[in-house]
PDB file of N, CA and C in Angstrom:
ATOM      1  N   MET A   1      42.989 -83.901  -5.875  1.00  0.00           N
ATOM      2  CA  MET A   1      43.484 -82.842  -5.304  1.00  0.00           C
ATOM      3  C   MET A   1      43.483 -81.784  -5.354  1.00  0.00           C
ATOM      4  N   PRO A   2      42.903 -81.284  -4.264  1.00  0.00           N
ATOM      5  CA  PRO A   2      42.605 -79.538  -3.846  1.00  0.00           C
ATOM      6  C   PRO A   2      43.758 -78.862  -3.618  1.00  0.00           C
ATOM      7  N   ILE A   3      43.419 -77.834  -4.439  1.00  0.00           N
ATOM      8  CA  ILE A   3      44.725 -77.145  -4.184  1.00  0.00           C
ATOM      9  C   ILE A   3      43.844 -75.554  -3.620  1.00  0.00           C
ATOM     10  N   ALA A   4      44.595 -74.950  -2.519  1.00  0.00           N
ATOM     11  CA  ALA A   4      44.101 -73.654  -1.724  1.00  0.00           C
ATOM     12  C   ALA A   4      45.012 -72.613  -2.046  1.00  0.00           C
ATOM     13  N   LYS A   5      44.898 -71.909  -3.148  1.00  0.00           N
ATOM     14  CA  LYS A   5      45.712 -70.557  -3.226  1.00  0.00           C
ATOM     15  C   LYS A   5      45.381 -69.106  -2.264  1.00  0.00           C
ATOM     16  N   ILE A   6      45.965 -68.947  -1.389  1.00  0.00           N
ATOM     17  CA  ILE A   6      45.929 -67.822  -0.679  1.00  0.00           C
ATOM     18  C   ILE A   6      46.832 -66.271  -0.887  1.00  0.00           C
ATOM     19  N   HIS A   7      46.093 -65.388  -0.907  1.00  0.00           N
ATOM     20  CA  HIS A   7      47.061 -64.193  -1.242  1.00  0.00           C
ATOM     21  C   HIS A   7      47.129 -63.276   0.082  1.00  0.00           C
ATOM     22  N   ILE A   8      48.162 -63.235   0.819  1.00  0.00           N
ATOM     23  CA  ILE A   8      48.234 -62.401   2.030  1.00  0.00           C
ATOM     24  C   ILE A   8      49.109 -61.543   1.863  1.00  0.00           C
ATOM     25  N   LEU A   9      48.953 -60.090   2.869  1.00  0.00           N
ATOM     26  CA  LEU A   9      50.360 -59.125   3.078  1.00  0.00           C
ATOM     27  C   LEU A   9      50.929 -59.974   3.759  1.00  0.00           C
ATOM     28  N   GLU A  10      52.770 -59.266   3.247  1.00  0.00           N
ATOM     29  CA  GLU A  10      53.787 -60.047   4.003  1.00  0.00           C
ATOM     30  C   GLU A  10      54.063 -59.359   5.494  1.00  0.00           C
ATOM     31  N   GLY A  11      54.906 -59.903   6.136  1.00  0.00           N
ATOM     32  CA  GLY A  11      54.730 -59.498   7.631  1.00  0.00           C
ATOM     33  C   GLY A  11      54.203 -60.477   9.020  1.00  0.00           C
ATOM     34  N   ARG A  12      53.185 -61.621   8.413  1.00  0.00           N
ATOM     35  CA  ARG A  12      53.072 -62.532   9.195  1.00  0.00           C
ATOM     36  C   ARG A  12      53.735 -63.320   9.897  1.00  0.00           C
ATOM     37  N   SER A  13      53.776 -63.819  11.176  1.00  0.00           N
ATOM     38  CA  SER A  13      54.745 -65.154  11.424  1.00  0.00           C
ATOM     39  C   SER A  13      54.728 -65.988  10.967  1.00  0.00           C
ATOM     40  N   ARG A  14      55.523 -67.186  11.000  1.00  0.00           N
ATOM     41  CA  ARG A  14      55.484 -68.435  10.521  1.00  0.00           C
ATOM     42  C   ARG A  14      54.516 -69.022  11.325  1.00  0.00           C
ATOM     43  N   GLU A  15      54.165 -69.127  12.690  1.00  0.00           N
ATOM     44  CA  GLU A  15      53.383 -69.237  13.706  1.00  0.00           C
ATOM     45  C   GLU A  15      51.835 -69.039  12.777  1.00  0.00           C
ATOM     46  N   GLN A  16      51.451 -67.914  12.755  1.00  0.00           N
ATOM     47  CA  GLN A  16      50.523 -67.346  11.832  1.00  0.00           C
ATOM     48  C   GLN A  16      50.172 -68.026  11.053  1.00  0.00           C
ATOM     49  N   LYS A  17      51.347 -68.296   9.787  1.00  0.00           N
ATOM     50  CA  LYS A  17      50.897 -69.102   8.507  1.00  0.00           C
ATOM     51  C   LYS A  17      51.030 -70.413   9.016  1.00  0.00           C
ATOM     52  N   GLN A  18      51.736 -71.085   9.395  1.00  0.00           N
ATOM     53  CA  GLN A  18      51.047 -72.767  10.073  1.00  0.00           C
ATOM     54  C   GLN A  18      49.901 -72.831  10.225  1.00  0.00           C
ATOM     55  N   GLU A  19      49.133 -71.749  11.406  1.00  0.00           N
ATOM     56  CA  GLU A  19      47.905 -72.180  11.409  1.00  0.00           C
ATOM     57  C   GLU A  19      46.584 -72.293  10.386  1.00  0.00           C
ATOM     58  N   LEU A  20      47.309 -70.914   9.649  1.00  0.00           N
ATOM     59  CA  LEU A  20      46.249 -70.810   8.757  1.00  0.00           C
ATOM     60  C   LEU A  20      46.629 -71.872   7.612  1.00  0.00           C
ATOM     61  N   ILE A  21      47.480 -72.309   7.388  1.00  0.00           N
ATOM     62  CA  ILE A  21      47.394 -73.704   6.497  1.00  0.00           C
ATOM     63  C   ILE A  21      46.928 -74.896   7.189  1.00  0.00           C
ATOM     64  N   GLN A  22      47.023 -75.020   8.519  1.00  0.00           N
ATOM     65  CA  GLN A  22      46.264 -76.214   9.101  1.00  0.00           C
ATOM     66  C   GLN A  22      44.760 -76.011   9.269  1.00  0.00           C
ATOM     67  N   GLU A  23      44.527 -74.463   9.656  1.00  0.00           N
ATOM     68  CA  GLU A  23      42.900 -74.408   9.616  1.00  0.00           C
ATOM     69  C   GLU A  23      42.088 -74.828   7.976  1.00  0.00           C
ATOM     70  N   VAL A  24      42.724 -74.344   7.304  1.00  0.00           N
ATOM     71  CA  VAL A  24      42.436 -74.065   5.618  1.00  0.00           C
ATOM     72  C   VAL A  24      42.457 -75.910   5.131  1.00  0.00           C
ATOM     73  N   THR A  25      43.366 -76.571   5.894  1.00  0.00           N
ATOM     74  CA  THR A  25      43.371 -77.915   5.231  1.00  0.00           C
ATOM     75  C   THR A  25      42.597 -78.764   5.903  1.00  0.00           C
ATOM     76  N   GLY A  26      42.265 -78.508   7.251  1.00  0.00           N
ATOM     77  CA  GLY A  26      41.232 -78.642   7.916  1.00  0.00           C
ATOM     78  C   GLY A  26      39.683 -78.873   7.309  1.00  0.00           C
ATOM     79  N   ALA A  27      39.446 -77.596   7.081  1.00  0.00           N
ATOM     80  CA  ALA A  27      38.167 -76.980   6.680  1.00  0.00           C
ATOM     81  C   ALA A  27      37.869 -77.976   4.988  1.00  0.00           C
ATOM     82  N   ILE A  28      39.096 -78.166   4.122  1.00  0.00           N
ATOM     83  CA  ILE A  28      38.739 -78.488   2.969  1.00  0.00           C
ATOM     84  C   ILE A  28      38.616 -80.423   3.311  1.00  0.00           C
ATOM     85  N   ASN A  29      39.118 -80.514   4.046  1.00  0.00           N
ATOM     86  CA  ASN A  29      38.923 -81.947   4.765  1.00  0.00           C
ATOM     87  C   ASN A  29      37.773 -82.412   5.392  1.00  0.00           C
ATOM     88  N   ARG A  30      36.904 -81.185   5.775  1.00  0.00           N
ATOM     89  CA  ARG A  30      35.626 -81.486   6.332  1.00  0.00           C
ATOM     90  C   ARG A  30      34.837 -81.278   5.342  1.00  0.00           C
ATOM     91  N   SER A  31      34.929 -80.335   4.730  1.00  0.00           N
ATOM     92  CA  SER A  31      34.037 -79.933   3.733  1.00  0.00           C
ATOM     93  C   SER A  31      33.770 -81.052   2.408  1.00  0.00           C
ATOM     94  N   LEU A  32      34.939 -81.184   2.068  1.00  0.00           N
ATOM     95  CA  LEU A  32      34.971 -82.137   0.668  1.00  0.00           C
ATOM     96  C   LEU A  32      35.515 -83.649   0.965  1.00  0.00           C
ATOM     97  N   GLY A  33      35.367 -83.814   2.091  1.00  0.00           N
ATOM     98  CA  GLY A  33      36.035 -85.232   2.764  1.00  0.00           C
ATOM     99  C   GLY A  33      37.420 -85.551   1.619  1.00  0.00           C
ATOM    100  N   ALA A  34      38.329 -84.628   1.144  1.00  0.00           N
ATOM    101  CA  ALA A  34      39.533 -84.909   1.014  1.00  0.00           C
ATOM    102  C   ALA A  34      40.695 -85.252   1.832  1.00  0.00           C
ATOM    103  N   ASN A  35      41.264 -86.488   1.428  1.00  0.00           N
ATOM    104  CA  ASN A  35      42.688 -86.840   1.982  1.00  0.00           C
ATOM    105  C   ASN A  35      43.611 -86.036   2.232  1.00  0.00           C
ATOM    106  N   PRO A  36      43.976 -85.624   3.864  1.00  0.00           N
ATOM    107  CA  PRO A  36      44.683 -84.431   4.040  1.00  0.00           C
ATOM    108  C   PRO A  36      46.259 -84.342   3.282  1.00  0.00           C
ATOM    109  N   GLU A  37      46.537 -85.675   3.333  1.00  0.00           N
ATOM    110  CA  GLU A  37      47.611 -85.638   2.430  1.00  0.00           C
ATOM    111  C   GLU A  37      47.639 -85.328   1.042  1.00  0.00           C
ATOM    112  N   LYS A  38      46.358 -85.289   0.367  1.00  0.00           N
ATOM    113  CA  LYS A  38      46.561 -84.547  -0.641  1.00  0.00           C
ATOM    114  C   LYS A  38      46.192 -83.141  -0.670  1.00  0.00           C
ATOM    115  N   ILE A  39      46.007 -82.719   0.140  1.00  0.00           N
ATOM    116  CA  ILE A  39      45.492 -81.089  -0.152  1.00  0.00           C
ATOM    117  C   ILE A  39      46.555 -80.602  -0.042  1.00  0.00           C
ATOM    118  N   LYS A  40      46.973 -79.367  -1.242  1.00  0.00           N
ATOM    119  CA  LYS A  40      47.701 -78.297  -1.203  1.00  0.00           C
ATOM    120  C   LYS A  40      47.430 -77.191  -1.049  1.00  0.00           C
ATOM    121  N   VAL A  41      48.385 -76.561  -0.227  1.00  0.00           N
ATOM    122  CA  VAL A  41      47.956 -74.731   0.067  1.00  0.00           C
ATOM    123  C   VAL A  41      49.095 -74.150  -0.080  1.00  0.00           C
ATOM    124  N   LEU A  42      48.626 -72.993  -1.105  1.00  0.00           N
ATOM    125  CA  LEU A  42      49.842 -72.329  -1.506  1.00  0.00           C
ATOM    126  C   LEU A  42      49.564 -70.858  -0.599  1.00  0.00           C
ATOM    127  N   LEU A  43      50.664 -70.145  -0.212  1.00  0.00           N
ATOM    128  CA  LEU A  43      50.345 -68.839   0.621  1.00  0.00           C
ATOM    129  C   LEU A  43      51.346 -68.134  -0.462  1.00  0.00           C
ATOM    130  N   ILE A  44      50.416 -66.943  -1.106  1.00  0.00           N
ATOM    131  CA  ILE A  44      51.574 -66.133  -1.710  1.00  0.00           C
ATOM    132  C   ILE A  44      51.412 -64.669  -0.875  1.00  0.00           C
ATOM    133  N   GLU A  45      52.793 -64.607  -0.409  1.00  0.00           N
ATOM    134  CA  GLU A  45      52.837 -63.308   0.199  1.00  0.00           C
ATOM    135  C   GLU A  45      52.987 -62.020  -0.803  1.00  0.00           C
ATOM    136  N   ILE A  46      52.845 -60.751  -0.309  1.00  0.00           N
ATOM    137  CA  ILE A  46      52.159 -59.991  -1.212  1.00  0.00           C
ATOM    138  C   ILE A  46      52.735 -58.392  -0.696  1.00  0.00           C
ATOM    139  N   PRO A  47      54.384 -58.171  -1.052  1.00  0.00           N
ATOM    140  CA  PRO A  47      54.944 -56.957  -0.582  1.00  0.00           C
ATOM    141  C   PRO A  47      53.916 -55.904  -0.677  1.00  0.00           C
ATOM    142  N   LYS A  48      54.124 -55.002   1.001  1.00  0.00           N
ATOM    143  CA  LYS A  48      53.013 -54.290   1.067  1.00  0.00           C
ATOM    144  C   LYS A  48      52.878 -52.873   0.071  1.00  0.00           C
ATOM    145  N   ASP A  49      54.601 -52.517  -0.796  1.00  0.00           N
ATOM    146  CA  ASP A  49      54.608 -51.747  -1.857  1.00  0.00           C
ATOM    147  C   ASP A  49      53.369 -52.165  -3.104  1.00  0.00           C
ATOM    148  N   ASN A  50      53.220 -53.641  -2.857  1.00  0.00           N
ATOM    149  CA  ASN A  50      52.283 -54.229  -4.244  1.00  0.00           C
ATOM    150  C   ASN A  50      51.001 -54.255  -3.738  1.00  0.00           C
ATOM    151  N   TRP A  51      50.322 -53.674  -2.916  1.00  0.00           N
ATOM    152  CA  TRP A  51      49.145 -54.455  -2.074  1.00  0.00           C
ATOM    153  C   TRP A  51      48.361 -52.731  -2.008  1.00  0.00           C
ATOM    154  N   ALA A  52      47.000 -52.185  -2.926  1.00  0.00           N
ATOM    155  CA  ALA A  52      46.923 -51.218  -2.736  1.00  0.00           C
ATOM    156  C   ALA A  52      45.363 -51.352  -2.337  1.00  0.00           C
ATOM    157  N   THR A  53      44.674 -50.252  -2.164  1.00  0.00           N
ATOM    158  CA  THR A  53      43.381 -49.975  -1.938  1.00  0.00           C
ATOM    159  C   THR A  53      43.057 -48.759  -2.227  1.00  0.00           C
ATOM    160  N   ALA A  54      42.272 -48.516  -3.340  1.00  0.00           N
ATOM    161  CA  ALA A  54      42.104 -46.769  -3.584  1.00  0.00           C
ATOM    162  C   ALA A  54      43.142 -46.173  -4.229  1.00  0.00           C
ATOM    163  N   GLY A  55      43.838 -46.875  -4.539  1.00  0.00           N
ATOM    164  CA  GLY A  55      45.028 -46.115  -5.238  1.00  0.00           C
ATOM    165  C   GLY A  55      46.156 -45.881  -4.019  1.00  0.00           C
ATOM    166  N   VAL A  56      46.204 -46.124  -3.103  1.00  0.00           N
ATOM    167  CA  VAL A  56      46.939 -46.175  -2.033  1.00  0.00           C
ATOM    168  C   VAL A  56      47.934 -47.680  -1.658  1.00  0.00           C
ATOM    169  N   THR A  57      49.080 -47.328  -1.568  1.00  0.00           N
ATOM    170  CA  THR A  57      49.443 -49.138  -0.849  1.00  0.00           C
ATOM    171  C   THR A  57      49.192 -48.905   0.687  1.00  0.00           C
ATOM    172  N   LYS A  58      49.414 -50.522   0.736  1.00  0.00           N
ATOM    173  CA  LYS A  58      49.642 -50.680   2.178  1.00  0.00           C
ATOM    174  C   LYS A  58      50.669 -49.929   3.120  1.00  0.00           C
ATOM    175  N   SER A  59      51.894 -50.090   2.249  1.00  0.00           N
ATOM    176  CA  SER A  59      52.842 -49.276   3.200  1.00  0.00           C
ATOM    177  C   SER A  59      52.782 -47.912   3.205  1.00  0.00           C
ATOM    178  N   GLU A  60      52.403 -47.004   2.483  1.00  0.00           N
ATOM    179  CA  GLU A  60      52.140 -45.481   2.497  1.00  0.00           C
ATOM    180  C   GLU A  60      50.517 -45.502   3.303  1.00  0.00           C
ATOM    181  N   GLU A  61      49.724 -46.491   3.504  1.00  0.00           N
ATOM    182  CA  GLU A  61      48.896 -46.486   4.650  1.00  0.00           C
ATOM    183  C   GLU A  61      49.428 -46.322   6.019  1.00  0.00           C
ATOM    184  N   ASP A  62      49.741 -47.419   5.758  1.00  0.00           N
ATOM    185  CA  ASP A  62      51.060 -47.717   7.356  1.00  0.00           C
ATOM    186  C   ASP A  62      51.765 -46.554   7.696  1.00  0.00           C
ATOM    187  N   ASN A  63      52.321 -45.590   7.251  1.00  0.00           N
ATOM    188  CA  ASN A  63      53.039 -44.504   7.245  1.00  0.00           C
ATOM    189  C   ASN A  63      52.325 -43.278   7.260  1.00  0.00           C
ATOM    190  N   ARG A  64      50.881 -43.369   6.835  1.00  0.00           N
ATOM    191  CA  ARG A  64      50.127 -42.106   7.200  1.00  0.00           C
ATOM    192  C   ARG A  64      49.706 -42.401   8.686  1.00  0.00           C
ATOM    193  N   ALA A  65      49.396 -43.679   9.141  1.00  0.00           N
ATOM    194  CA  ALA A  65      48.659 -44.500  10.641  1.00  0.00           C
ATOM    195  C   ALA A  65      49.949 -43.713  11.250  1.00  0.00           C
ATOM    196  N   SER A  66      51.195 -44.095  11.182  1.00  0.00           N
ATOM    197  CA  SER A  66      52.144 -43.916  12.106  1.00  0.00           C
ATOM    198  C   SER A  66      52.352 -42.433  12.266  1.00  0.00           C
ATOM    199  N   LEU A  67      52.154 -41.507  11.147  1.00  0.00           N
ATOM    200  CA  LEU A  67      51.997 -40.061  11.669  1.00  0.00           C
ATOM    201  C   LEU A  67      50.996 -39.290  12.478  1.00  0.00           C
ATOM    202  N   SER A  68      49.828 -40.065  12.805  1.00  0.00           N
ATOM    203  CA  SER A  68      48.740 -39.598  13.006  1.00  0.00           C
ATOM    204  C   SER A  68      48.603 -39.378  14.640  1.00  0.00           C
TER     205      SER A  68
END
């Protein structure tokens, strides 16, 4: 039973997440030959205040970009 665990930023639509889940399931099925009914995909949505690069959170980065 393959399990794919994917961390993404919050804010994506239900449709985008569903498409990601379907694509990942298909990739695992094709590459490993695993039964799609046994493939688990876990999406972990991270709040923008908890995601940072170079000491700057994504929410702060977005705020700076909107001021430019």
